[in-house]
């Protein structure tokens, strides 16, 4: 699976914000946690339904939309 295929935008989910695999976890939330100093390990523990690749995809998506 392409990393960015993990990012979904569904108009009726989270007000159309980009989310991880159609779940109610937004790219913005993941990036904000990382920016606040959270580690991938702590995110994976807090959100056991996410994978390392989901977090990487969120960061990749966000960086591509900021540049």
Protein backbone atom coordinates (compact mmCIF):
# COMPACT_ATOMS: atom_id res chain seq x y z
CA UNK A 1 0.00 0.00 0.00
CA UNK A 2 1.24 3.47 -0.88
CA UNK A 3 1.77 5.45 2.32
CA UNK A 4 -0.54 8.24 1.22
CA UNK A 5 -3.32 5.75 0.47
CA UNK A 6 -3.65 5.50 4.26
CA UNK A 7 -4.96 9.08 4.31
CA UNK A 8 -8.67 9.45 3.63
CA UNK A 9 -10.87 12.49 3.22
CA UNK A 10 -14.51 11.72 3.80
CA UNK A 11 -16.84 14.74 3.89
CA UNK A 12 -19.04 13.32 6.67
CA UNK A 13 -16.13 12.21 8.87
CA UNK A 14 -14.35 14.72 11.11
CA UNK A 15 -15.73 17.63 9.07
CA UNK A 16 -13.86 16.43 5.98
CA UNK A 17 -10.42 16.70 7.57
CA UNK A 18 -7.81 14.16 6.43
CA UNK A 19 -7.96 11.08 8.63
CA UNK A 20 -6.06 7.82 8.99
CA UNK A 21 -7.73 4.96 7.07
CA UNK A 22 -11.24 6.33 7.55
CA UNK A 23 -10.96 6.30 11.33
CA UNK A 24 -11.73 9.22 13.59
CA UNK A 25 -8.04 10.02 14.00
CA UNK A 26 -7.04 13.09 12.05
CA UNK A 27 -3.70 13.81 10.44
CA UNK A 28 -3.74 17.10 12.32
CA UNK A 29 -4.04 15.32 15.68
CA UNK A 30 -1.12 13.01 14.91
CA UNK A 31 1.10 15.89 13.77
CA UNK A 32 0.14 18.00 16.80
CA UNK A 33 1.05 15.16 19.17
CA UNK A 34 4.43 14.74 17.49
CA UNK A 35 5.03 18.50 17.51
CA UNK A 36 4.28 18.52 21.24
CA UNK A 37 7.02 15.94 21.80
CA UNK A 38 5.08 12.69 21.83
CA UNK A 39 6.94 9.68 20.49
CA UNK A 40 5.61 7.19 17.96
CA UNK A 41 5.69 4.58 20.69
CA UNK A 42 3.44 6.64 22.97
CA UNK A 43 1.02 7.31 20.11
CA UNK A 44 0.86 3.61 19.26
CA UNK A 45 0.16 2.82 22.88
CA UNK A 46 -2.57 5.47 23.10
CA UNK A 47 -4.07 4.43 19.73
CA UNK A 48 -3.47 0.68 19.41
CA UNK A 49 -5.50 0.55 16.18
CA UNK A 50 -2.83 2.68 14.45
CA UNK A 51 0.37 1.37 12.97
CA UNK A 52 3.81 2.88 12.59
CA UNK A 53 3.06 3.29 8.88
CA UNK A 54 -0.12 5.26 9.71
CA UNK A 55 1.92 7.76 11.71
CA UNK A 56 4.54 7.99 8.96
CA UNK A 57 1.80 8.58 6.40
CA UNK A 58 0.29 11.39 8.49
CA UNK A 59 3.65 13.14 8.73
CA UNK A 60 4.34 12.63 5.03
CA UNK A 61 0.91 13.95 4.09
CA UNK A 62 1.23 17.01 6.34
CA UNK A 63 4.72 17.86 5.11
CA UNK A 64 3.59 17.62 1.50
CA UNK A 65 0.73 20.02 2.11
CA UNK A 66 2.81 22.61 3.93
CA UNK A 67 5.52 22.98 1.30
